[in-house]
C-alpha atoms as a PDB file:
ATOM      1  CA  MET A   1    -145.535  43.809 -34.907  1.00  0.00           C
ATOM      2  CA  PRO A   2    -145.630  43.831 -31.097  1.00  0.00           C
ATOM      3  CA  VAL A   3    -144.914  47.185 -29.471  1.00  0.00           C
ATOM      4  CA  ALA A   4    -141.875  45.893 -27.561  1.00  0.00           C
ATOM      5  CA  GLN A   5    -140.329  44.552 -30.769  1.00  0.00           C
ATOM      6  CA  SER A   6    -141.028  47.831 -32.539  1.00  0.00           C
ATOM      7  CA  VAL A   7    -139.471  49.879 -29.727  1.00  0.00           C
ATOM      8  CA  LEU A   8    -136.416  47.610 -29.711  1.00  0.00           C
ATOM      9  CA  GLY A   9    -136.142  48.045 -33.485  1.00  0.00           C
ATOM     10  CA  LEU A  10    -136.219  51.823 -33.128  1.00  0.00           C
ATOM     11  CA  ALA A  11    -133.584  51.649 -30.399  1.00  0.00           C
ATOM     12  CA  ALA A  12    -131.405  49.422 -32.603  1.00  0.00           C
ATOM     13  CA  ALA A  13    -131.758  51.795 -35.575  1.00  0.00           C
ATOM     14  CA  ALA A  14    -130.841  54.742 -33.355  1.00  0.00           C
ATOM     15  CA  ALA A  15    -127.864  52.833 -31.924  1.00  0.00           C
ATOM     16  CA  VAL A  16    -126.551  52.021 -35.407  1.00  0.00           C
ATOM     17  CA  VAL A  17    -126.947  55.557 -36.722  1.00  0.00           C
ATOM     18  CA  PHE A  18    -125.742  57.396 -33.627  1.00  0.00           C
ATOM     19  CA  GLY A  19    -122.934  54.873 -33.151  1.00  0.00           C
ATOM     20  CA  ALA A  20    -121.702  55.762 -36.630  1.00  0.00           C
ATOM     21  CA  ALA A  21    -122.118  59.439 -35.777  1.00  0.00           C
ATOM     22  CA  GLY A  22    -119.996  58.917 -32.683  1.00  0.00           C
ATOM     23  CA  ILE A  23    -117.160  57.377 -34.687  1.00  0.00           C
ATOM     24  CA  GLY A  24    -117.227  60.311 -37.102  1.00  0.00           C
ATOM     25  CA  GLY A  25    -117.487  62.712 -34.187  1.00  0.00           C
ATOM     26  CA  VAL A  26    -114.279  61.441 -32.621  1.00  0.00           C
ATOM     27  CA  ALA A  27    -112.366  62.076 -35.861  1.00  0.00           C
ATOM     28  CA  THR A  28    -113.996  65.487 -36.228  1.00  0.00           C
ATOM     29  CA  ALA A  29    -113.348  66.615 -32.653  1.00  0.00           C
ATOM     30  CA  ARG A  30    -109.646  65.970 -33.104  1.00  0.00           C
ATOM     31  CA  SER A  31    -109.396  68.565 -35.883  1.00  0.00           C
ATOM     32  CA  VAL A  32    -112.092  71.157 -35.201  1.00  0.00           C
ATOM     33  CA  GLY A  33    -110.629  74.038 -33.270  1.00  0.00           C
ATOM     34  CA  THR A  34    -107.137  73.237 -34.505  1.00  0.00           C
ATOM     35  CA  TRP A  35    -106.328  72.148 -38.052  1.00  0.00           C
ATOM     36  CA  TYR A  36    -109.779  72.930 -39.470  1.00  0.00           C
ATOM     37  CA  GLN A  37    -109.551  76.537 -38.241  1.00  0.00           C
ATOM     38  CA  THR A  38    -106.354  77.022 -40.269  1.00  0.00           C
ATOM     39  CA  LEU A  39    -108.032  76.126 -43.565  1.00  0.00           C
ATOM     40  CA  ALA A  40    -109.183  78.785 -46.001  1.00  0.00           C
ATOM     41  CA  LYS A  41    -112.963  78.432 -46.282  1.00  0.00           C
ATOM     42  CA  PRO A  42    -115.493  79.943 -48.672  1.00  0.00           C
ATOM     43  CA  SER A  43    -117.748  82.798 -47.607  1.00  0.00           C
ATOM     44  CA  PHE A  44    -120.737  80.431 -47.448  1.00  0.00           C
ATOM     45  CA  ASN A  45    -119.109  78.208 -44.803  1.00  0.00           C
ATOM     46  CA  PRO A  46    -121.548  78.058 -41.872  1.00  0.00           C
ATOM     47  CA  PRO A  47    -120.351  78.819 -38.348  1.00  0.00           C
ATOM     48  CA  ASP A  48    -119.022  75.738 -36.549  1.00  0.00           C
ATOM     49  CA  ALA A  49    -121.967  75.882 -34.121  1.00  0.00           C
ATOM     50  CA  VAL A  50    -124.391  75.046 -36.950  1.00  0.00           C
ATOM     51  CA  PHE A  51    -122.963  71.630 -37.759  1.00  0.00           C
ATOM     52  CA  GLY A  52    -123.820  69.814 -34.517  1.00  0.00           C
ATOM     53  CA  PRO A  53    -127.540  70.659 -34.425  1.00  0.00           C
ATOM     54  CA  VAL A  54    -127.969  70.037 -38.158  1.00  0.00           C
ATOM     55  CA  TRP A  55    -126.295  66.642 -37.955  1.00  0.00           C
ATOM     56  CA  GLY A  56    -128.287  65.769 -34.828  1.00  0.00           C
ATOM     57  CA  ILE A  57    -131.532  66.372 -36.716  1.00  0.00           C
ATOM     58  CA  LEU A  58    -130.300  64.523 -39.800  1.00  0.00           C
ATOM     59  CA  TYR A  59    -129.129  61.487 -37.814  1.00  0.00           C
ATOM     60  CA  THR A  60    -132.506  61.371 -36.050  1.00  0.00           C
ATOM     61  CA  LEU A  61    -134.320  61.405 -39.408  1.00  0.00           C
ATOM     62  CA  MET A  62    -131.945  58.737 -40.720  1.00  0.00           C
ATOM     63  CA  ALA A  63    -132.643  56.476 -37.726  1.00  0.00           C
ATOM     64  CA  LEU A  64    -136.396  56.911 -38.174  1.00  0.00           C
ATOM     65  CA  ALA A  65    -136.108  56.116 -41.876  1.00  0.00           C
ATOM     66  CA  LEU A  66    -134.071  52.988 -41.192  1.00  0.00           C
ATOM     67  CA  TRP A  67    -136.568  51.852 -38.573  1.00  0.00           C
ATOM     68  CA  LEU A  68    -139.539  52.393 -40.888  1.00  0.00           C
ATOM     69  CA  VAL A  69    -137.911  50.315 -43.615  1.00  0.00           C
ATOM     70  CA  TRP A  70    -136.823  47.595 -41.185  1.00  0.00           C
ATOM     71  CA  ARG A  71    -140.440  47.298 -39.989  1.00  0.00           C
ATOM     72  CA  THR A  72    -141.574  46.362 -43.492  1.00  0.00           C
ATOM     73  CA  GLY A  73    -140.112  42.868 -42.995  1.00  0.00           C
ATOM     74  CA  ALA A  74    -137.575  40.492 -44.492  1.00  0.00           C
ATOM     75  CA  GLY A  75    -137.881  42.035 -47.950  1.00  0.00           C
ATOM     76  CA  ALA A  76    -136.243  45.159 -46.541  1.00  0.00           C
ATOM     77  CA  THR A  77    -132.786  43.548 -46.430  1.00  0.00           C
ATOM     78  CA  PRO A  78    -131.464  45.113 -49.692  1.00  0.00           C
ATOM     79  CA  ALA A  79    -132.693  48.532 -48.581  1.00  0.00           C
ATOM     80  CA  VAL A  80    -131.042  48.139 -45.168  1.00  0.00           C
ATOM     81  CA  VAL A  81    -127.788  47.037 -46.814  1.00  0.00           C
ATOM     82  CA  CYS A  82    -127.909  50.096 -49.083  1.00  0.00           C
ATOM     83  CA  PHE A  83    -128.476  52.288 -46.021  1.00  0.00           C
ATOM     84  CA  LEU A  84    -125.511  50.723 -44.216  1.00  0.00           C
ATOM     85  CA  VAL A  85    -123.263  51.319 -47.239  1.00  0.00           C
ATOM     86  CA  GLN A  86    -124.103  55.030 -47.297  1.00  0.00           C
ATOM     87  CA  LEU A  87    -123.681  55.198 -43.514  1.00  0.00           C
ATOM     88  CA  ALA A  88    -120.209  53.651 -43.819  1.00  0.00           C
ATOM     89  CA  LEU A  89    -119.329  56.252 -46.472  1.00  0.00           C
ATOM     90  CA  ASN A  90    -120.624  58.940 -44.105  1.00  0.00           C
ATOM     91  CA  VAL A  91    -118.261  57.765 -41.357  1.00  0.00           C
ATOM     92  CA  LEU A  92    -115.418  57.365 -43.834  1.00  0.00           C
ATOM     93  CA  TRP A  93    -115.780  61.007 -44.885  1.00  0.00           C
ATOM     94  CA  SER A  94    -115.102  62.180 -41.318  1.00  0.00           C
ATOM     95  CA  LEU A  95    -112.107  59.868 -41.054  1.00  0.00           C
ATOM     96  CA  LEU A  96    -110.660  61.078 -44.366  1.00  0.00           C
ATOM     97  CA  PHE A  97    -111.433  64.792 -44.110  1.00  0.00           C
ATOM     98  CA  PHE A  98    -110.834  65.337 -40.397  1.00  0.00           C
ATOM     99  CA  GLY A  99    -109.015  62.231 -39.171  1.00  0.00           C
ATOM    100  CA  LEU A 100    -106.413  62.114 -41.939  1.00  0.00           C
ATOM    101  CA  ARG A 101    -106.780  65.842 -42.668  1.00  0.00           C
ATOM    102  CA  ARG A 102    -107.141  65.140 -46.384  1.00  0.00           C
ATOM    103  CA  PRO A 103    -110.012  67.236 -47.812  1.00  0.00           C
ATOM    104  CA  TRP A 104    -109.341  65.924 -51.332  1.00  0.00           C
ATOM    105  CA  LEU A 105    -109.907  62.328 -50.136  1.00  0.00           C
ATOM    106  CA  GLY A 106    -113.016  63.554 -48.362  1.00  0.00           C
ATOM    107  CA  LEU A 107    -114.223  65.033 -51.645  1.00  0.00           C
ATOM    108  CA  ILE A 108    -113.848  61.703 -53.438  1.00  0.00           C
ATOM    109  CA  ASP A 109    -115.742  59.982 -50.632  1.00  0.00           C
ATOM    110  CA  ILE A 110    -118.536  62.556 -50.382  1.00  0.00           C
ATOM    111  CA  VAL A 111    -119.298  62.219 -54.088  1.00  0.00           C
ATOM    112  CA  ALA A 112    -119.684  58.464 -53.559  1.00  0.00           C
ATOM    113  CA  LEU A 113    -121.736  59.180 -50.416  1.00  0.00           C
ATOM    114  CA  TRP A 114    -124.075  61.455 -52.378  1.00  0.00           C
ATOM    115  CA  ALA A 115    -124.658  58.712 -54.964  1.00  0.00           C
ATOM    116  CA  ALA A 116    -125.217  56.148 -52.202  1.00  0.00           C
ATOM    117  CA  ILE A 117    -127.797  58.408 -50.531  1.00  0.00           C
ATOM    118  CA  VAL A 118    -129.648  58.763 -53.829  1.00  0.00           C
ATOM    119  CA  ALA A 119    -129.602  54.962 -54.229  1.00  0.00           C
ATOM    120  CA  THR A 120    -130.852  54.550 -50.657  1.00  0.00           C
ATOM    121  CA  ILE A 121    -133.695  56.988 -51.258  1.00  0.00           C
ATOM    122  CA  VAL A 122    -134.703  55.044 -54.369  1.00  0.00           C
ATOM    123  CA  VAL A 123    -134.790  51.670 -52.585  1.00  0.00           C
ATOM    124  CA  PHE A 124    -136.425  53.157 -49.495  1.00  0.00           C
ATOM    125  CA  ALA A 125    -139.152  54.666 -51.703  1.00  0.00           C
ATOM    126  CA  ARG A 126    -140.034  51.171 -52.905  1.00  0.00           C
ATOM    127  CA  ALA A 127    -140.176  49.794 -49.368  1.00  0.00           C
ATOM    128  CA  ARG A 128    -141.671  52.743 -47.495  1.00  0.00           C
ATOM    129  CA  PRO A 129    -142.082  56.127 -49.241  1.00  0.00           C
ATOM    130  CA  LEU A 130    -142.114  58.104 -45.977  1.00  0.00           C
ATOM    131  CA  ALA A 131    -138.676  56.678 -45.144  1.00  0.00           C
ATOM    132  CA  ALA A 132    -137.363  57.964 -48.469  1.00  0.00           C
ATOM    133  CA  TRP A 133    -138.743  61.444 -47.786  1.00  0.00           C
ATOM    134  CA  LEU A 134    -137.078  61.476 -44.369  1.00  0.00           C
ATOM    135  CA  LEU A 135    -133.714  61.169 -46.152  1.00  0.00           C
ATOM    136  CA  VAL A 136    -134.263  64.154 -48.468  1.00  0.00           C
ATOM    137  CA  PRO A 137    -132.950  66.743 -45.946  1.00  0.00           C
ATOM    138  CA  TYR A 138    -129.847  64.556 -45.555  1.00  0.00           C
ATOM    139  CA  LEU A 139    -129.343  64.515 -49.328  1.00  0.00           C
ATOM    140  CA  LEU A 140    -129.750  68.284 -49.473  1.00  0.00           C
ATOM    141  CA  TRP A 141    -127.233  68.831 -46.653  1.00  0.00           C
ATOM    142  CA  VAL A 142    -124.730  66.433 -48.222  1.00  0.00           C
ATOM    143  CA  SER A 143    -125.196  68.260 -51.538  1.00  0.00           C
ATOM    144  CA  PHE A 144    -124.261  71.497 -49.775  1.00  0.00           C
ATOM    145  CA  ALA A 145    -121.410  69.751 -47.941  1.00  0.00           C
ATOM    146  CA  THR A 146    -120.073  68.451 -51.258  1.00  0.00           C
ATOM    147  CA  VAL A 147    -119.867  71.978 -52.643  1.00  0.00           C
ATOM    148  CA  LEU A 148    -118.292  73.160 -49.385  1.00  0.00           C
ATOM    149  CA  ASN A 149    -115.761  70.312 -49.448  1.00  0.00           C
ATOM    150  CA  ALA A 150    -114.889  71.103 -53.088  1.00  0.00           C
ATOM    151  CA  ALA A 151    -114.414  74.789 -52.236  1.00  0.00           C
ATOM    152  CA  ILE A 152    -112.110  73.905 -49.352  1.00  0.00           C
ATOM    153  CA  VAL A 153    -110.039  71.695 -51.661  1.00  0.00           C
ATOM    154  CA  TRP A 154    -109.891  74.530 -54.213  1.00  0.00           C
ATOM    155  CA  LEU A 155    -108.916  77.154 -51.618  1.00  0.00           C
ATOM    156  CA  ASN A 156    -106.279  74.925 -49.980  1.00  0.00           C
ATOM    157  CA  PRO A 157    -104.207  73.427 -52.799  1.00  0.00           C
ATOM    158  CA  GLY A 158    -101.907  70.719 -51.597  1.00  0.00           C
ATOM    159  CA  GLY A 159    -103.960  70.294 -48.417  1.00  0.00           C
END
């Protein structure tokens, strides 16, 4: 693959992933510092300042993983579709949890997101094993976020 095409592919992967992050970020920014601060949270809730850097690293790894799989060629289409499904669920979580301020809807979505990430890792492993490994930190963080989301739902009944 020519270098220019490869660089454009990486830029496209980054644009897709960080574009999705931007959509989720708009929904999140509306509630962090206001509504989110009023919620009861478990003792293991990280400080707000942790979330941005962690997600920045995870989105970078996700973009690299997508790019690596895309570079494998036309046979990568099912893997890319699987990736886009989990990315849509990722954005949807922010819209449900923060945008609509419905943690219980966020919990339903994040469980589906977790399953979609697992499926994406499986199909990425077939196409490009390194790409699958790049998604493992994302799966681990979403696993933690699922527990955190469930605790917030538990601590804020009716919220």
